C-alpha cells in the first residue's frame, strides 16, 4: 500500500471528515450549555455564583463559561442576563464606567446580555469585593432577570462564605481530571445541597 493509499483510508486526512468532527463537537457543546441553562432556569435560580475548583485554576476560564451559559439562557427565553465579576478584571467600556457608589458600569454583549462591573475603584481586597457585591447585586436584580457572578478569588467554602448570602446557589467549574478527593469532600461538607447547583467539568486535564 502506498502512502497515498493510506491517506485515503485515514479520516484525519479528509478535510470534510475533520469538518464533520468539529461540527459534531460544537453541537455537543451547545447541547450541554442548553442543558445547564435550562436546569438553572427550571430551578428558578436568579442570582448564580460560579467558582473554579481548585480555586484560581488557570485552566478554568470562569468568565467564558459564564458567557456561554448566559447566551444559552437568552436562547431559552431569559429576558436579560447580567454577568458580574467580583474583581472587575473584565473591565466595562470606560465610556460607561460608573463614577462610584453602587451603580454598575455596563458593557453590552448583545441585545439581552451585558457585562457588569461594580465600583472597581472601591475594591481593595477580597472582603471589599464582597461588600461591593452585597450592595450592588440587589440593585442589579431590578434590571436583569438573571445575574451570573464570577467568584474567582473568593474562598466561598471558607473565609468568604458570607458572599453566598446574596446568591441563590453556586455552580462549581473544574478542569477534567483535576479535582482531588479532598476537593470533592470540601464541596460536600461546606456547600449544602440547596446551594450546590452542580459540578461542571470543562476541557481536558
C-alpha atoms as a PDB file:
ATOM      1  CA  UNK A   1       0.000   0.000   0.000  1.00  0.00           C
ATOM      2  CA  UNK A   2       1.376   3.398  -0.939  1.00  0.00           C
ATOM      3  CA  UNK A   3       1.378   6.464   1.317  1.00  0.00           C
ATOM      4  CA  UNK A   4      -1.310   7.944  -0.919  1.00  0.00           C
ATOM      5  CA  UNK A   5      -3.484   4.868  -0.437  1.00  0.00           C
ATOM      6  CA  UNK A   6      -3.008   5.067   3.359  1.00  0.00           C
ATOM      7  CA  UNK A   7      -4.010   8.728   3.354  1.00  0.00           C
ATOM      8  CA  UNK A   8      -7.208   7.814   1.520  1.00  0.00           C
ATOM      9  CA  UNK A   9      -8.117   5.468   4.393  1.00  0.00           C
ATOM     10  CA  UNK A  10      -7.254   7.943   7.172  1.00  0.00           C
ATOM     11  CA  UNK A  11     -10.306  10.003   8.255  1.00  0.00           C
ATOM     12  CA  UNK A  12      -7.970  12.610   9.748  1.00  0.00           C
ATOM     13  CA  UNK A  13      -6.558  13.230   6.274  1.00  0.00           C
ATOM     14  CA  UNK A  14     -10.008  14.079   4.909  1.00  0.00           C
ATOM     15  CA  UNK A  15     -10.865  17.793   5.373  1.00  0.00           C
ATOM     16  CA  UNK A  16     -14.570  17.004   5.119  1.00  0.00           C
ATOM     17  CA  UNK A  17     -14.264  14.420   7.885  1.00  0.00           C
ATOM     18  CA  UNK A  18     -12.417  16.888  10.127  1.00  0.00           C
ATOM     19  CA  UNK A  19     -15.106  19.478   9.462  1.00  0.00           C
ATOM     20  CA  UNK A  20     -17.811  16.981  10.393  1.00  0.00           C
ATOM     21  CA  UNK A  21     -15.972  16.179  13.630  1.00  0.00           C
ATOM     22  CA  UNK A  22     -15.690  19.868  14.521  1.00  0.00           C
ATOM     23  CA  UNK A  23     -19.379  20.394  13.783  1.00  0.00           C
ATOM     24  CA  UNK A  24     -20.332  17.436  15.958  1.00  0.00           C
ATOM     25  CA  UNK A  25     -18.181  18.727  18.823  1.00  0.00           C
ATOM     26  CA  UNK A  26     -19.730  22.193  18.542  1.00  0.00           C
ATOM     27  CA  UNK A  27     -23.234  20.708  18.526  1.00  0.00           C
ATOM     28  CA  UNK A  28     -22.462  18.632  21.626  1.00  0.00           C
ATOM     29  CA  UNK A  29     -21.027  21.682  23.413  1.00  0.00           C
ATOM     30  CA  UNK A  30     -24.102  23.734  22.544  1.00  0.00           C
ATOM     31  CA  UNK A  31     -26.440  20.974  23.752  1.00  0.00           C
ATOM     32  CA  UNK A  32     -24.598  20.779  27.067  1.00  0.00           C
ATOM     33  CA  UNK A  33     -24.784  24.541  27.582  1.00  0.00           C
ATOM     34  CA  UNK A  34     -28.510  24.477  26.834  1.00  0.00           C
ATOM     35  CA  UNK A  35     -28.966  21.606  29.305  1.00  0.00           C
ATOM     36  CA  UNK A  36     -27.190  23.501  32.099  1.00  0.00           C
ATOM     37  CA  UNK A  37     -29.028  26.759  31.384  1.00  0.00           C
ATOM     38  CA  UNK A  38     -32.406  25.013  31.225  1.00  0.00           C
ATOM     39  CA  UNK A  39     -31.796  23.323  34.585  1.00  0.00           C
ATOM     40  CA  UNK A  40     -30.830  26.600  36.276  1.00  0.00           C
ATOM     41  CA  UNK A  41     -33.893  28.329  34.860  1.00  0.00           C
ATOM     42  CA  UNK A  42     -36.179  25.449  35.809  1.00  0.00           C
ATOM     43  CA  UNK A  43     -34.870  25.686  39.386  1.00  0.00           C
ATOM     44  CA  UNK A  44     -35.755  29.409  39.246  1.00  0.00           C
ATOM     45  CA  UNK A  45     -32.248  30.458  40.224  1.00  0.00           C
ATOM     46  CA  UNK A  46     -31.896  34.166  39.533  1.00  0.00           C
ATOM     47  CA  UNK A  47     -28.542  35.043  41.174  1.00  0.00           C
ATOM     48  CA  UNK A  48     -25.962  32.373  40.386  1.00  0.00           C
ATOM     49  CA  UNK A  49     -22.356  32.274  41.542  1.00  0.00           C
ATOM     50  CA  UNK A  50     -19.680  30.471  39.518  1.00  0.00           C
ATOM     51  CA  UNK A  51     -16.446  29.344  41.178  1.00  0.00           C
ATOM     52  CA  UNK A  52     -13.436  27.416  39.911  1.00  0.00           C
ATOM     53  CA  UNK A  53     -12.202  24.431  41.867  1.00  0.00           C
ATOM     54  CA  UNK A  54      -9.398  24.250  42.836  1.00  0.00           C
ATOM     55  CA  UNK A  55      -9.644  27.989  43.375  1.00  0.00           C
ATOM     56  CA  UNK A  56      -7.685  30.006  40.840  1.00  0.00           C
ATOM     57  CA  UNK A  57      -7.054  27.096  38.441  1.00  0.00           C
ATOM     58  CA  UNK A  58      -5.575  28.804  35.337  1.00  0.00           C
ATOM     59  CA  UNK A  59      -7.092  26.130  33.090  1.00  0.00           C
ATOM     60  CA  UNK A  60     -10.626  27.136  34.048  1.00  0.00           C
ATOM     61  CA  UNK A  61     -11.939  30.250  32.279  1.00  0.00           C
ATOM     62  CA  UNK A  62     -14.860  31.144  34.520  1.00  0.00           C
ATOM     63  CA  UNK A  63     -15.907  34.193  32.527  1.00  0.00           C
ATOM     64  CA  UNK A  64     -16.002  32.227  29.260  1.00  0.00           C
ATOM     65  CA  UNK A  65     -18.184  29.596  30.932  1.00  0.00           C
ATOM     66  CA  UNK A  66     -20.481  32.325  32.287  1.00  0.00           C
ATOM     67  CA  UNK A  67     -20.871  33.948  28.886  1.00  0.00           C
ATOM     68  CA  UNK A  68     -21.717  30.635  27.237  1.00  0.00           C
ATOM     69  CA  UNK A  69     -24.352  29.833  29.862  1.00  0.00           C
ATOM     70  CA  UNK A  70     -25.713  33.366  29.688  1.00  0.00           C
ATOM     71  CA  UNK A  71     -26.152  33.132  25.924  1.00  0.00           C
ATOM     72  CA  UNK A  72     -27.875  29.768  26.363  1.00  0.00           C
ATOM     73  CA  UNK A  73     -30.274  31.354  28.859  1.00  0.00           C
ATOM     74  CA  UNK A  74     -31.093  34.106  26.381  1.00  0.00           C
ATOM     75  CA  UNK A  75     -31.638  31.472  23.701  1.00  0.00           C
ATOM     76  CA  UNK A  76     -34.092  29.747  26.045  1.00  0.00           C
ATOM     77  CA  UNK A  77     -36.038  32.963  26.553  1.00  0.00           C
ATOM     78  CA  UNK A  78     -34.416  34.750  29.506  1.00  0.00           C
ATOM     79  CA  UNK A  79     -35.324  38.435  29.073  1.00  0.00           C
ATOM     80  CA  UNK A  80     -31.964  39.773  30.280  1.00  0.00           C
ATOM     81  CA  UNK A  81     -28.763  38.335  31.732  1.00  0.00           C
ATOM     82  CA  UNK A  82     -26.040  40.229  33.575  1.00  0.00           C
ATOM     83  CA  UNK A  83     -22.516  38.839  34.011  1.00  0.00           C
ATOM     84  CA  UNK A  84     -20.704  40.170  37.084  1.00  0.00           C
ATOM     85  CA  UNK A  85     -17.068  39.739  38.000  1.00  0.00           C
ATOM     86  CA  UNK A  86     -16.195  40.194  41.655  1.00  0.00           C
ATOM     87  CA  UNK A  87     -12.690  41.501  40.971  1.00  0.00           C
ATOM     88  CA  UNK A  88     -13.594  43.625  37.935  1.00  0.00           C
ATOM     89  CA  UNK A  89     -10.841  42.179  35.714  1.00  0.00           C
ATOM     90  CA  UNK A  90     -13.319  42.150  32.831  1.00  0.00           C
ATOM     91  CA  UNK A  91     -13.455  45.925  32.563  1.00  0.00           C
ATOM     92  CA  UNK A  92     -16.508  47.545  31.085  1.00  0.00           C
ATOM     93  CA  UNK A  93     -16.392  50.164  28.346  1.00  0.00           C
ATOM     94  CA  UNK A  94     -14.741  53.200  30.027  1.00  0.00           C
ATOM     95  CA  UNK A  95     -17.382  55.438  28.499  1.00  0.00           C
ATOM     96  CA  UNK A  96     -19.993  53.598  30.585  1.00  0.00           C
ATOM     97  CA  UNK A  97     -17.937  53.411  33.773  1.00  0.00           C
ATOM     98  CA  UNK A  98     -19.744  54.228  36.988  1.00  0.00           C
ATOM     99  CA  UNK A  99     -18.416  57.287  38.837  1.00  0.00           C
ATOM    100  CA  UNK A 100     -18.699  55.448  42.149  1.00  0.00           C
ATOM    101  CA  UNK A 101     -21.336  54.176  44.514  1.00  0.00           C
ATOM    102  CA  UNK A 102     -23.333  51.076  43.702  1.00  0.00           C
ATOM    103  CA  UNK A 103     -24.383  51.710  40.101  1.00  0.00           C
ATOM    104  CA  UNK A 104     -22.553  49.239  37.865  1.00  0.00           C
ATOM    105  CA  UNK A 105     -20.637  50.033  34.722  1.00  0.00           C
ATOM    106  CA  UNK A 106     -22.226  48.146  31.874  1.00  0.00           C
ATOM    107  CA  UNK A 107     -20.967  46.764  28.561  1.00  0.00           C
ATOM    108  CA  UNK A 108     -23.463  45.250  26.140  1.00  0.00           C
ATOM    109  CA  UNK A 109     -22.843  41.684  24.984  1.00  0.00           C
ATOM    110  CA  UNK A 110     -25.788  41.512  22.647  1.00  0.00           C
ATOM    111  CA  UNK A 111     -29.395  42.625  22.885  1.00  0.00           C
ATOM    112  CA  UNK A 112     -30.199  40.780  26.109  1.00  0.00           C
ATOM    113  CA  UNK A 113     -26.861  40.336  27.886  1.00  0.00           C
ATOM    114  CA  UNK A 114     -24.327  42.679  29.486  1.00  0.00           C
ATOM    115  CA  UNK A 115     -21.094  42.574  31.462  1.00  0.00           C
ATOM    116  CA  UNK A 116     -21.342  44.459  34.756  1.00  0.00           C
ATOM    117  CA  UNK A 117     -18.597  45.955  36.907  1.00  0.00           C
ATOM    118  CA  UNK A 118     -19.388  47.267  40.376  1.00  0.00           C
ATOM    119  CA  UNK A 119     -17.292  50.249  41.523  1.00  0.00           C
ATOM    120  CA  UNK A 120     -13.926  48.765  40.592  1.00  0.00           C
ATOM    121  CA  UNK A 121     -12.071  51.617  42.320  1.00  0.00           C
ATOM    122  CA  UNK A 122     -13.598  50.599  45.651  1.00  0.00           C
ATOM    123  CA  UNK A 123     -12.326  47.024  45.508  1.00  0.00           C
ATOM    124  CA  UNK A 124      -9.133  46.952  47.581  1.00  0.00           C
ATOM    125  CA  UNK A 125      -9.250  43.354  48.797  1.00  0.00           C
ATOM    126  CA  UNK A 126     -11.486  40.297  48.812  1.00  0.00           C
ATOM    127  CA  UNK A 127     -13.692  41.480  51.671  1.00  0.00           C
ATOM    128  CA  UNK A 128     -14.197  44.839  49.972  1.00  0.00           C
ATOM    129  CA  UNK A 129     -15.254  42.948  46.848  1.00  0.00           C
ATOM    130  CA  UNK A 130     -17.875  41.103  48.882  1.00  0.00           C
ATOM    131  CA  UNK A 131     -19.176  44.362  50.354  1.00  0.00           C
ATOM    132  CA  UNK A 132     -19.481  45.876  46.873  1.00  0.00           C
ATOM    133  CA  UNK A 133     -21.385  42.822  45.641  1.00  0.00           C
ATOM    134  CA  UNK A 134     -23.687  42.845  48.666  1.00  0.00           C
ATOM    135  CA  UNK A 135     -24.647  46.444  47.884  1.00  0.00           C
ATOM    136  CA  UNK A 136     -24.757  46.222  44.113  1.00  0.00           C
ATOM    137  CA  UNK A 137     -26.317  42.850  43.318  1.00  0.00           C
ATOM    138  CA  UNK A 138     -29.736  43.577  44.860  1.00  0.00           C
ATOM    139  CA  UNK A 139     -29.925  46.751  42.777  1.00  0.00           C
ATOM    140  CA  UNK A 140     -28.919  44.923  39.595  1.00  0.00           C
ATOM    141  CA  UNK A 141     -31.633  42.307  40.051  1.00  0.00           C
ATOM    142  CA  UNK A 142     -34.164  45.048  39.356  1.00  0.00           C
ATOM    143  CA  UNK A 143     -32.791  45.341  35.810  1.00  0.00           C
ATOM    144  CA  UNK A 144     -31.839  41.754  34.915  1.00  0.00           C
ATOM    145  CA  UNK A 145     -33.867  38.580  35.036  1.00  0.00           C
ATOM    146  CA  UNK A 146     -30.698  36.610  35.835  1.00  0.00           C
ATOM    147  CA  UNK A 147     -27.280  37.501  37.246  1.00  0.00           C
ATOM    148  CA  UNK A 148     -24.267  35.209  36.904  1.00  0.00           C
ATOM    149  CA  UNK A 149     -21.394  36.171  39.193  1.00  0.00           C
ATOM    150  CA  UNK A 150     -17.722  35.252  38.816  1.00  0.00           C
ATOM    151  CA  UNK A 151     -16.438  34.342  42.295  1.00  0.00           C
ATOM    152  CA  UNK A 152     -12.811  33.931  41.231  1.00  0.00           C
ATOM    153  CA  UNK A 153     -10.523  34.993  44.068  1.00  0.00           C
ATOM    154  CA  UNK A 154     -13.111  34.326  46.762  1.00  0.00           C
ATOM    155  CA  UNK A 155     -12.940  31.250  49.006  1.00  0.00           C
ATOM    156  CA  UNK A 156     -16.669  30.610  49.036  1.00  0.00           C
ATOM    157  CA  UNK A 157     -16.248  27.484  51.164  1.00  0.00           C
ATOM    158  CA  UNK A 158     -14.105  29.236  53.762  1.00  0.00           C
ATOM    159  CA  UNK A 159     -13.324  32.818  54.754  1.00  0.00           C
ATOM    160  CA  UNK A 160     -15.571  34.327  52.083  1.00  0.00           C
ATOM    161  CA  UNK A 161     -18.625  32.147  52.663  1.00  0.00           C
ATOM    162  CA  UNK A 162     -20.751  35.220  53.602  1.00  0.00           C
ATOM    163  CA  UNK A 163     -20.922  36.182  49.916  1.00  0.00           C
ATOM    164  CA  UNK A 164     -23.292  33.239  49.457  1.00  0.00           C
ATOM    165  CA  UNK A 165     -25.986  35.212  51.300  1.00  0.00           C
ATOM    166  CA  UNK A 166     -26.684  37.158  48.112  1.00  0.00           C
ATOM    167  CA  UNK A 167     -26.700  34.066  45.862  1.00  0.00           C
ATOM    168  CA  UNK A 168     -29.415  31.562  45.006  1.00  0.00           C
ATOM    169  CA  UNK A 169     -26.717  28.947  44.516  1.00  0.00           C
ATOM    170  CA  UNK A 170     -23.237  28.160  43.200  1.00  0.00           C
ATOM    171  CA  UNK A 171     -22.007  26.237  40.152  1.00  0.00           C
ATOM    172  CA  UNK A 172     -18.540  24.730  40.584  1.00  0.00           C
ATOM    173  CA  UNK A 173     -16.420  24.555  37.407  1.00  0.00           C
ATOM    174  CA  UNK A 174     -13.327  22.350  37.238  1.00  0.00           C
ATOM    175  CA  UNK A 175     -10.899  21.112  34.600  1.00  0.00           C
ATOM    176  CA  UNK A 176     -11.461  17.459  33.739  1.00  0.00           C
ATOM    177  CA  UNK A 177      -9.205  15.177  35.763  1.00  0.00           C
ATOM    178  CA  UNK A 178      -8.023  17.984  38.039  1.00  0.00           C
ATOM    179  CA  UNK A 179     -10.241  17.565  41.102  1.00  0.00           C
ATOM    180  CA  UNK A 180      -8.896  15.667  44.092  1.00  0.00           C
ATOM    181  CA  UNK A 181     -10.938  13.636  46.550  1.00  0.00           C
ATOM    182  CA  UNK A 182     -10.250  16.337  49.138  1.00  0.00           C
ATOM    183  CA  UNK A 183     -11.837  18.943  46.841  1.00  0.00           C
ATOM    184  CA  UNK A 184     -14.978  16.851  46.431  1.00  0.00           C
ATOM    185  CA  UNK A 185     -15.148  16.270  50.185  1.00  0.00           C
ATOM    186  CA  UNK A 186     -14.818  20.010  50.849  1.00  0.00           C
ATOM    187  CA  UNK A 187     -17.622  20.822  48.414  1.00  0.00           C
ATOM    188  CA  UNK A 188     -19.899  18.241  50.011  1.00  0.00           C
ATOM    189  CA  UNK A 189     -19.029  19.394  53.534  1.00  0.00           C
ATOM    190  CA  UNK A 190     -19.280  23.149  53.135  1.00  0.00           C
ATOM    191  CA  UNK A 191     -21.744  23.699  50.266  1.00  0.00           C
ATOM    192  CA  UNK A 192     -25.211  22.433  51.306  1.00  0.00           C
ATOM    193  CA  UNK A 193     -27.375  20.749  48.704  1.00  0.00           C
ATOM    194  CA  UNK A 194     -29.814  23.662  48.172  1.00  0.00           C
ATOM    195  CA  UNK A 195     -26.890  25.964  47.363  1.00  0.00           C
ATOM    196  CA  UNK A 196     -24.909  23.435  45.330  1.00  0.00           C
ATOM    197  CA  UNK A 197     -26.139  23.804  41.750  1.00  0.00           C
ATOM    198  CA  UNK A 198     -23.758  21.214  40.392  1.00  0.00           C
ATOM    199  CA  UNK A 199     -20.236  20.500  39.242  1.00  0.00           C
ATOM    200  CA  UNK A 200     -19.303  21.130  35.586  1.00  0.00           C
ATOM    201  CA  UNK A 201     -16.135  19.663  34.093  1.00  0.00           C
ATOM    202  CA  UNK A 202     -14.519  21.562  31.227  1.00  0.00           C
ATOM    203  CA  UNK A 203     -11.671  20.857  28.837  1.00  0.00           C
ATOM    204  CA  UNK A 204      -9.101  18.163  29.429  1.00  0.00           C
ATOM    205  CA  UNK A 205      -6.767  17.692  32.317  1.00  0.00           C
END
